[in-house]
Amino acid sequence: MSEDETHHAKSTLDRLVYSANQISNFFRSQKHDQAVAGVETHIAKFWDPRMRKMIFAHLKASGEGLTPLAREALESLAKKQNAA
């Protein structure tokens, strides 16, 4: 991977982490189970499969930067998508 490609992938991942955290911040005022489901549903409905693939790979590697709520929702969604 070239330096430009590496930078682009990192900046894309940074944006995905930021976005997942923003979504989790929106839902965090709800009861915990509802908040997890809300984040999970939003990402499943509105994120492109490539975006989900990239954030799932990041989650598996470390999940660095994800809020606990975003992490939990992504883990749940990844588990459901792997089972399907």
PDB file of N, CA and C in Angstrom:
ATOM      1  N   MET A   1       0.846  -1.173   0.000  1.00  0.00           N
ATOM      2  CA  MET A   1       0.000   0.000   0.000  1.00  0.00           C
ATOM      3  C   MET A   1       0.892   1.238   0.000  1.00  0.00           C
ATOM      4  N   SER A   2       0.601   2.177  -0.880  1.00  0.00           N
ATOM      5  CA  SER A   2       1.401   3.396  -0.951  1.00  0.00           C
ATOM      6  C   SER A   2       1.113   4.289   0.258  1.00  0.00           C
ATOM      7  N   GLU A   3       1.948   5.283   0.443  1.00  0.00           N
ATOM      8  CA  GLU A   3       1.751   6.209   1.556  1.00  0.00           C
ATOM      9  C   GLU A   3       0.416   6.935   1.430  1.00  0.00           C
ATOM     10  N   ASP A   4       0.054   7.336   0.205  1.00  0.00           N
ATOM     11  CA  ASP A   4      -1.235   8.005  -0.017  1.00  0.00           C
ATOM     12  C   ASP A   4      -2.393   7.073   0.322  1.00  0.00           C
ATOM     13  N   GLU A   5      -2.309   5.812  -0.099  1.00  0.00           N
ATOM     14  CA  GLU A   5      -3.369   4.839   0.189  1.00  0.00           C
ATOM     15  C   GLU A   5      -3.468   4.581   1.683  1.00  0.00           C
ATOM     16  N   THR A   6      -2.331   4.503   2.359  1.00  0.00           N
ATOM     17  CA  THR A   6      -2.327   4.296   3.809  1.00  0.00           C
ATOM     18  C   THR A   6      -2.968   5.480   4.508  1.00  0.00           C
ATOM     19  N   HIS A   7      -2.610   6.693   4.095  1.00  0.00           N
ATOM     20  CA  HIS A   7      -3.196   7.896   4.695  1.00  0.00           C
ATOM     21  C   HIS A   7      -4.704   7.935   4.456  1.00  0.00           C
ATOM     22  N   HIS A   8      -5.130   7.620   3.228  1.00  0.00           N
ATOM     23  CA  HIS A   8      -6.557   7.628   2.903  1.00  0.00           C
ATOM     24  C   HIS A   8      -7.306   6.604   3.752  1.00  0.00           C
ATOM     25  N   ALA A   9      -6.769   5.410   3.883  1.00  0.00           N
ATOM     26  CA  ALA A   9      -7.421   4.368   4.681  1.00  0.00           C
ATOM     27  C   ALA A   9      -7.522   4.802   6.138  1.00  0.00           C
ATOM     28  N   LYS A  10      -6.452   5.406   6.677  1.00  0.00           N
ATOM     29  CA  LYS A  10      -6.467   5.864   8.064  1.00  0.00           C
ATOM     30  C   LYS A  10      -7.479   6.984   8.247  1.00  0.00           C
ATOM     31  N   SER A  11      -7.499   7.940   7.330  1.00  0.00           N
ATOM     32  CA  SER A  11      -8.444   9.045   7.488  1.00  0.00           C
ATOM     33  C   SER A  11      -9.886   8.551   7.324  1.00  0.00           C
ATOM     34  N   THR A  12     -10.100   7.589   6.447  1.00  0.00           N
ATOM     35  CA  THR A  12     -11.439   7.007   6.301  1.00  0.00           C
ATOM     36  C   THR A  12     -11.838   6.296   7.585  1.00  0.00           C
ATOM     37  N   LEU A  13     -10.934   5.519   8.143  1.00  0.00           N
ATOM     38  CA  LEU A  13     -11.220   4.820   9.396  1.00  0.00           C
ATOM     39  C   LEU A  13     -11.474   5.816  10.521  1.00  0.00           C
ATOM     40  N   ASP A  14     -10.693   6.869  10.586  1.00  0.00           N
ATOM     41  CA  ASP A  14     -10.915   7.900  11.605  1.00  0.00           C
ATOM     42  C   ASP A  14     -12.316   8.486  11.487  1.00  0.00           C
ATOM     43  N   ARG A  15     -12.751   8.718  10.248  1.00  0.00           N
ATOM     44  CA  ARG A  15     -14.105   9.262  10.033  1.00  0.00           C
ATOM     45  C   ARG A  15     -15.174   8.247  10.446  1.00  0.00           C
ATOM     46  N   LEU A  16     -14.930   6.970  10.186  1.00  0.00           N
ATOM     47  CA  LEU A  16     -15.900   5.948  10.580  1.00  0.00           C
ATOM     48  C   LEU A  16     -16.002   5.834  12.101  1.00  0.00           C
ATOM     49  N   VAL A  17     -14.870   5.862  12.770  1.00  0.00           N
ATOM     50  CA  VAL A  17     -14.871   5.820  14.238  1.00  0.00           C
ATOM     51  C   VAL A  17     -15.606   7.041  14.782  1.00  0.00           C
ATOM     52  N   TYR A  18     -15.297   8.206  14.236  1.00  0.00           N
ATOM     53  CA  TYR A  18     -15.968   9.436  14.664  1.00  0.00           C
ATOM     54  C   TYR A  18     -17.477   9.321  14.459  1.00  0.00           C
ATOM     55  N   SER A  19     -17.867   8.841  13.294  1.00  0.00           N
ATOM     56  CA  SER A  19     -19.286   8.715  12.974  1.00  0.00           C
ATOM     57  C   SER A  19     -19.989   7.725  13.906  1.00  0.00           C
ATOM     58  N   ALA A  20     -19.371   6.576  14.142  1.00  0.00           N
ATOM     59  CA  ALA A  20     -19.967   5.585  15.055  1.00  0.00           C
ATOM     60  C   ALA A  20     -20.129   6.180  16.452  1.00  0.00           C
ATOM     61  N   ASN A  21     -19.145   6.944  16.891  1.00  0.00           N
ATOM     62  CA  ASN A  21     -19.234   7.583  18.203  1.00  0.00           C
ATOM     63  C   ASN A  21     -20.324   8.649  18.239  1.00  0.00           C
ATOM     64  N   GLN A  22     -20.466   9.409  17.159  1.00  0.00           N
ATOM     65  CA  GLN A  22     -21.531  10.418  17.101  1.00  0.00           C
ATOM     66  C   GLN A  22     -22.912   9.752  17.161  1.00  0.00           C
ATOM     67  N   ILE A  23     -23.066   8.661  16.449  1.00  0.00           N
ATOM     68  CA  ILE A  23     -24.331   7.925  16.475  1.00  0.00           C
ATOM     69  C   ILE A  23     -24.598   7.421  17.886  1.00  0.00           C
ATOM     70  N   SER A  24     -23.575   6.869  18.526  1.00  0.00           N
ATOM     71  CA  SER A  24     -23.774   6.360  19.888  1.00  0.00           C
ATOM     72  C   SER A  24     -24.095   7.504  20.858  1.00  0.00           C
ATOM     73  N   ASN A  25     -23.499   8.661  20.651  1.00  0.00           N
ATOM     74  CA  ASN A  25     -23.822   9.818  21.506  1.00  0.00           C
ATOM     75  C   ASN A  25     -25.278  10.233  21.349  1.00  0.00           C
ATOM     76  N   PHE A  26     -25.813  10.128  20.144  1.00  0.00           N
ATOM     77  CA  PHE A  26     -27.218  10.462  19.910  1.00  0.00           C
ATOM     78  C   PHE A  26     -28.138   9.533  20.703  1.00  0.00           C
ATOM     79  N   PHE A  27     -27.818   8.242  20.731  1.00  0.00           N
ATOM     80  CA  PHE A  27     -28.697   7.255  21.361  1.00  0.00           C
ATOM     81  C   PHE A  27     -28.437   7.058  22.854  1.00  0.00           C
ATOM     82  N   ARG A  28     -27.387   7.616  23.396  1.00  0.00           N
ATOM     83  CA  ARG A  28     -27.010   7.293  24.770  1.00  0.00           C
ATOM     84  C   ARG A  28     -28.000   7.753  25.835  1.00  0.00           C
ATOM     85  N   SER A  29     -28.910   8.647  25.504  1.00  0.00           N
ATOM     86  CA  SER A  29     -29.906   9.085  26.489  1.00  0.00           C
ATOM     87  C   SER A  29     -31.028   8.063  26.663  1.00  0.00           C
ATOM     88  N   GLN A  30     -31.076   7.082  25.783  1.00  0.00           N
ATOM     89  CA  GLN A  30     -32.084   6.033  25.892  1.00  0.00           C
ATOM     90  C   GLN A  30     -31.613   4.951  26.855  1.00  0.00           C
ATOM     91  N   LYS A  31     -32.529   4.059  27.238  1.00  0.00           N
ATOM     92  CA  LYS A  31     -32.134   2.918  28.055  1.00  0.00           C
ATOM     93  C   LYS A  31     -31.057   2.148  27.297  1.00  0.00           C
ATOM     94  N   HIS A  32     -30.161   1.529  28.049  1.00  0.00           N
ATOM     95  CA  HIS A  32     -28.980   0.906  27.446  1.00  0.00           C
ATOM     96  C   HIS A  32     -29.327  -0.035  26.295  1.00  0.00           C
ATOM     97  N   ASP A  33     -30.233  -0.970  26.499  1.00  0.00           N
ATOM     98  CA  ASP A  33     -30.568  -1.936  25.444  1.00  0.00           C
ATOM     99  C   ASP A  33     -31.148  -1.242  24.213  1.00  0.00           C
ATOM    100  N   GLN A  34     -31.948  -0.217  24.428  1.00  0.00           N
ATOM    101  CA  GLN A  34     -32.512   0.536  23.313  1.00  0.00           C
ATOM    102  C   GLN A  34     -31.425   1.319  22.585  1.00  0.00           C
ATOM    103  N   ALA A  35     -30.482   1.854  23.330  1.00  0.00           N
ATOM    104  CA  ALA A  35     -29.390   2.612  22.722  1.00  0.00           C
ATOM    105  C   ALA A  35     -28.521   1.709  21.854  1.00  0.00           C
ATOM    106  N   VAL A  36     -28.176   0.529  22.368  1.00  0.00           N
ATOM    107  CA  VAL A  36     -27.376  -0.426  21.590  1.00  0.00           C
ATOM    108  C   VAL A  36     -28.123  -0.784  20.310  1.00  0.00           C
ATOM    109  N   ALA A  37     -29.397  -1.104  20.439  1.00  0.00           N
ATOM    110  CA  ALA A  37     -30.206  -1.472  19.272  1.00  0.00           C
ATOM    111  C   ALA A  37     -30.315  -0.307  18.289  1.00  0.00           C
ATOM    112  N   GLY A  38     -30.444   0.914  18.785  1.00  0.00           N
ATOM    113  CA  GLY A  38     -30.545   2.084  17.911  1.00  0.00           C
ATOM    114  C   GLY A  38     -29.275   2.300  17.093  1.00  0.00           C
ATOM    115  N   VAL A  39     -28.134   2.204  17.740  1.00  0.00           N
ATOM    116  CA  VAL A  39     -26.854   2.354  17.038  1.00  0.00           C
ATOM    117  C   VAL A  39     -26.703   1.242  16.012  1.00  0.00           C
ATOM    118  N   GLU A  40     -26.978   0.033  16.443  1.00  0.00           N
ATOM    119  CA  GLU A  40     -26.856  -1.135  15.561  1.00  0.00           C
ATOM    120  C   GLU A  40     -27.758  -0.995  14.332  1.00  0.00           C
ATOM    121  N   THR A  41     -28.990  -0.620  14.539  1.00  0.00           N
ATOM    122  CA  THR A  41     -29.948  -0.461  13.441  1.00  0.00           C
ATOM    123  C   THR A  41     -29.510   0.643  12.486  1.00  0.00           C
ATOM    124  N   HIS A  42     -29.076   1.757  13.040  1.00  0.00           N
ATOM    125  CA  HIS A  42     -28.649   2.874  12.189  1.00  0.00           C
ATOM    126  C   HIS A  42     -27.487   2.459  11.287  1.00  0.00           C
ATOM    127  N   ILE A  43     -26.492   1.822  11.860  1.00  0.00           N
ATOM    128  CA  ILE A  43     -25.321   1.414  11.077  1.00  0.00           C
ATOM    129  C   ILE A  43     -25.702   0.358  10.047  1.00  0.00           C
ATOM    130  N   ALA A  44     -26.558  -0.573  10.432  1.00  0.00           N
ATOM    131  CA  ALA A  44     -26.991  -1.621   9.493  1.00  0.00           C
ATOM    132  C   ALA A  44     -27.766  -1.024   8.317  1.00  0.00           C
ATOM    133  N   LYS A  45     -28.593  -0.018   8.586  1.00  0.00           N
ATOM    134  CA  LYS A  45     -29.433   0.568   7.540  1.00  0.00           C
ATOM    135  C   LYS A  45     -28.700   1.566   6.647  1.00  0.00           C
ATOM    136  N   PHE A  46     -27.841   2.368   7.233  1.00  0.00           N
ATOM    137  CA  PHE A  46     -27.324   3.527   6.519  1.00  0.00           C
ATOM    138  C   PHE A  46     -25.852   3.458   6.125  1.00  0.00           C
ATOM    139  N   TRP A  47     -25.112   2.502   6.643  1.00  0.00           N
ATOM    140  CA  TRP A  47     -23.703   2.389   6.266  1.00  0.00           C
ATOM    141  C   TRP A  47     -23.562   1.407   5.126  1.00  0.00           C
ATOM    142  N   ASP A  48     -22.751   1.779   4.171  1.00  0.00           N
ATOM    143  CA  ASP A  48     -22.404   0.919   3.046  1.00  0.00           C
ATOM    144  C   ASP A  48     -21.686  -0.331   3.576  1.00  0.00           C
ATOM    145  N   PRO A  49     -21.876  -1.482   2.930  1.00  0.00           N
ATOM    146  CA  PRO A  49     -21.189  -2.705   3.390  1.00  0.00           C
ATOM    147  C   PRO A  49     -19.669  -2.536   3.510  1.00  0.00           C
ATOM    148  N   ARG A  50     -19.060  -1.735   2.640  1.00  0.00           N
ATOM    149  CA  ARG A  50     -17.613  -1.506   2.735  1.00  0.00           C
ATOM    150  C   ARG A  50     -17.258  -0.758   4.011  1.00  0.00           C
ATOM    151  N   MET A  51     -18.113   0.166   4.408  1.00  0.00           N
ATOM    152  CA  MET A  51     -17.885   0.914   5.646  1.00  0.00           C
ATOM    153  C   MET A  51     -17.974  -0.030   6.844  1.00  0.00           C
ATOM    154  N   ARG A  52     -18.998  -0.876   6.838  1.00  0.00           N
ATOM    155  CA  ARG A  52     -19.159  -1.840   7.934  1.00  0.00           C
ATOM    156  C   ARG A  52     -17.967  -2.798   7.979  1.00  0.00           C
ATOM    157  N   LYS A  53     -17.531  -3.258   6.828  1.00  0.00           N
ATOM    158  CA  LYS A  53     -16.393  -4.180   6.780  1.00  0.00           C
ATOM    159  C   LYS A  53     -15.155  -3.526   7.396  1.00  0.00           C
ATOM    160  N   MET A  54     -14.921  -2.275   7.074  1.00  0.00           N
ATOM    161  CA  MET A  54     -13.744  -1.575   7.585  1.00  0.00           C
ATOM    162  C   MET A  54     -13.833  -1.369   9.097  1.00  0.00           C
ATOM    163  N   ILE A  55     -15.001  -0.968   9.599  1.00  0.00           N
ATOM    164  CA  ILE A  55     -15.125  -0.728  11.044  1.00  0.00           C
ATOM    165  C   ILE A  55     -15.091  -2.047  11.805  1.00  0.00           C
ATOM    166  N   PHE A  56     -15.620  -3.132  11.221  1.00  0.00           N
ATOM    167  CA  PHE A  56     -15.557  -4.438  11.878  1.00  0.00           C
ATOM    168  C   PHE A  56     -14.109  -4.918  11.965  1.00  0.00           C
ATOM    169  N   ALA A  57     -13.328  -4.688  10.926  1.00  0.00           N
ATOM    170  CA  ALA A  57     -11.906  -5.063  10.950  1.00  0.00           C
ATOM    171  C   ALA A  57     -11.182  -4.253  12.033  1.00  0.00           C
ATOM    172  N   HIS A  58     -11.517  -2.983  12.135  1.00  0.00           N
ATOM    173  CA  HIS A  58     -10.917  -2.144  13.174  1.00  0.00           C
ATOM    174  C   HIS A  58     -11.323  -2.643  14.556  1.00  0.00           C
ATOM    175  N   LEU A  59     -12.570  -2.984  14.723  1.00  0.00           N
ATOM    176  CA  LEU A  59     -13.068  -3.499  15.993  1.00  0.00           C
ATOM    177  C   LEU A  59     -12.324  -4.774  16.378  1.00  0.00           C
ATOM    178  N   LYS A  60     -12.142  -5.657  15.420  1.00  0.00           N
ATOM    179  CA  LYS A  60     -11.445  -6.916  15.673  1.00  0.00           C
ATOM    180  C   LYS A  60      -9.972  -6.672  16.033  1.00  0.00           C
ATOM    181  N   ALA A  61      -9.360  -5.681  15.403  1.00  0.00           N
ATOM    182  CA  ALA A  61      -7.949  -5.374  15.654  1.00  0.00           C
ATOM    183  C   ALA A  61      -7.732  -4.726  17.016  1.00  0.00           C
ATOM    184  N   SER A  62      -8.589  -3.797  17.371  1.00  0.00           N
ATOM    185  CA  SER A  62      -8.418  -3.110  18.663  1.00  0.00           C
ATOM    186  C   SER A  62      -9.659  -2.320  19.065  1.00  0.00           C
ATOM    187  N   GLY A  63     -10.336  -1.755  18.079  1.00  0.00           N
ATOM    188  CA  GLY A  63     -11.483  -0.907  18.365  1.00  0.00           C
ATOM    189  C   GLY A  63     -11.087   0.421  18.981  1.00  0.00           C
ATOM    190  N   GLU A  64      -9.807   0.764  18.851  1.00  0.00           N
ATOM    191  CA  GLU A  64      -9.304   1.992  19.462  1.00  0.00           C
ATOM    192  C   GLU A  64     -10.140   3.196  19.045  1.00  0.00           C
ATOM    193  N   GLY A  65     -10.513   3.986  20.046  1.00  0.00           N
ATOM    194  CA  GLY A  65     -11.227   5.223  19.793  1.00  0.00           C
ATOM    195  C   GLY A  65     -12.737   5.108  19.849  1.00  0.00           C
ATOM    196  N   LEU A  66     -13.258   3.888  19.846  1.00  0.00           N
ATOM    197  CA  LEU A  66     -14.715   3.708  19.890  1.00  0.00           C
ATOM    198  C   LEU A  66     -15.223   3.859  21.321  1.00  0.00           C
ATOM    199  N   THR A  67     -16.362   4.516  21.466  1.00  0.00           N
ATOM    200  CA  THR A  67     -16.980   4.599  22.780  1.00  0.00           C
ATOM    201  C   THR A  67     -17.489   3.211  23.169  1.00  0.00           C
ATOM    202  N   PRO A  68     -17.695   2.959  24.447  1.00  0.00           N
ATOM    203  CA  PRO A  68     -18.213   1.649  24.858  1.00  0.00           C
ATOM    204  C   PRO A  68     -19.545   1.294  24.189  1.00  0.00           C
ATOM    205  N   LEU A  69     -20.423   2.267  24.044  1.00  0.00           N
ATOM    206  CA  LEU A  69     -21.713   2.012  23.404  1.00  0.00           C
ATOM    207  C   LEU A  69     -21.540   1.667  21.928  1.00  0.00           C
ATOM    208  N   ALA A  70     -20.716   2.415  21.222  1.00  0.00           N
ATOM    209  CA  ALA A  70     -20.460   2.128  19.806  1.00  0.00           C
ATOM    210  C   ALA A  70     -19.839   0.750  19.661  1.00  0.00           C
ATOM    211  N   ARG A  71     -18.886   0.432  20.517  1.00  0.00           N
ATOM    212  CA  ARG A  71     -18.214  -0.865  20.476  1.00  0.00           C
ATOM    213  C   ARG A  71     -19.218  -2.005  20.687  1.00  0.00           C
ATOM    214  N   GLU A  72     -20.060  -1.872  21.690  1.00  0.00           N
ATOM    215  CA  GLU A  72     -21.039  -2.924  21.986  1.00  0.00           C
ATOM    216  C   GLU A  72     -22.002  -3.119  20.822  1.00  0.00           C
ATOM    217  N   ALA A  73     -22.483  -2.034  20.247  1.00  0.00           N
ATOM    218  CA  ALA A  73     -23.412  -2.126  19.119  1.00  0.00           C
ATOM    219  C   ALA A  73     -22.737  -2.762  17.902  1.00  0.00           C
ATOM    220  N   LEU A  74     -21.508  -2.370  17.636  1.00  0.00           N
ATOM    221  CA  LEU A  74     -20.783  -2.935  16.494  1.00  0.00           C
ATOM    222  C   LEU A  74     -20.482  -4.417  16.709  1.00  0.00           C
ATOM    223  N   GLU A  75     -20.128  -4.798  17.928  1.00  0.00           N
ATOM    224  CA  GLU A  75     -19.886  -6.216  18.217  1.00  0.00           C
ATOM    225  C   GLU A  75     -21.154  -7.031  17.993  1.00  0.00           C
ATOM    226  N   SER A  76     -22.285  -6.499  18.440  1.00  0.00           N
ATOM    227  CA  SER A  76     -23.561  -7.183  18.261  1.00  0.00           C
ATOM    228  C   SER A  76     -23.907  -7.309  16.781  1.00  0.00           C
ATOM    229  N   LEU A  77     -23.743  -6.226  16.044  1.00  0.00           N
ATOM    230  CA  LEU A  77     -24.052  -6.239  14.609  1.00  0.00           C
ATOM    231  C   LEU A  77     -23.131  -7.190  13.865  1.00  0.00           C
ATOM    232  N   ALA A  78     -21.848  -7.179  14.187  1.00  0.00           N
ATOM    233  CA  ALA A  78     -20.894  -8.071  13.531  1.00  0.00           C
ATOM    234  C   ALA A  78     -21.271  -9.527  13.782  1.00  0.00           C
ATOM    235  N   LYS A  79     -21.645  -9.829  15.007  1.00  0.00           N
ATOM    236  CA  LYS A  79     -22.035 -11.185  15.366  1.00  0.00           C
ATOM    237  C   LYS A  79     -23.267 -11.620  14.555  1.00  0.00           C
ATOM    238  N   LYS A  80     -24.250 -10.738  14.439  1.00  0.00           N
ATOM    239  CA  LYS A  80     -25.469 -11.056  13.676  1.00  0.00           C
ATOM    240  C   LYS A  80     -25.164 -11.237  12.187  1.00  0.00           C
ATOM    241  N   GLN A  81     -24.304 -10.383  11.645  1.00  0.00           N
ATOM    242  CA  GLN A  81     -23.992 -10.485  10.227  1.00  0.00           C
ATOM    243  C   GLN A  81     -23.151 -11.728   9.923  1.00  0.00           C
ATOM    244  N   ASN A  82     -22.292 -12.131  10.853  1.00  0.00           N
ATOM    245  CA  ASN A  82     -21.505 -13.347  10.657  1.00  0.00           C
ATOM    246  C   ASN A  82     -22.366 -14.590  10.749  1.00  0.00           C
ATOM    247  N   ALA A  83     -23.438 -14.519  11.540  1.00  0.00           N
ATOM    248  CA  ALA A  83     -24.345 -15.660  11.698  1.00  0.00           C
ATOM    249  C   ALA A  83     -25.256 -15.833  10.480  1.00  0.00           C
ATOM    250  N   ALA A  84     -25.492 -14.723   9.768  1.00  0.00           N
ATOM    251  CA  ALA A  84     -26.422 -14.761   8.623  1.00  0.00           C
ATOM    252  C   ALA A  84     -25.820 -15.391   7.408  1.00  0.00           C
TER     253      ALA A  84
END
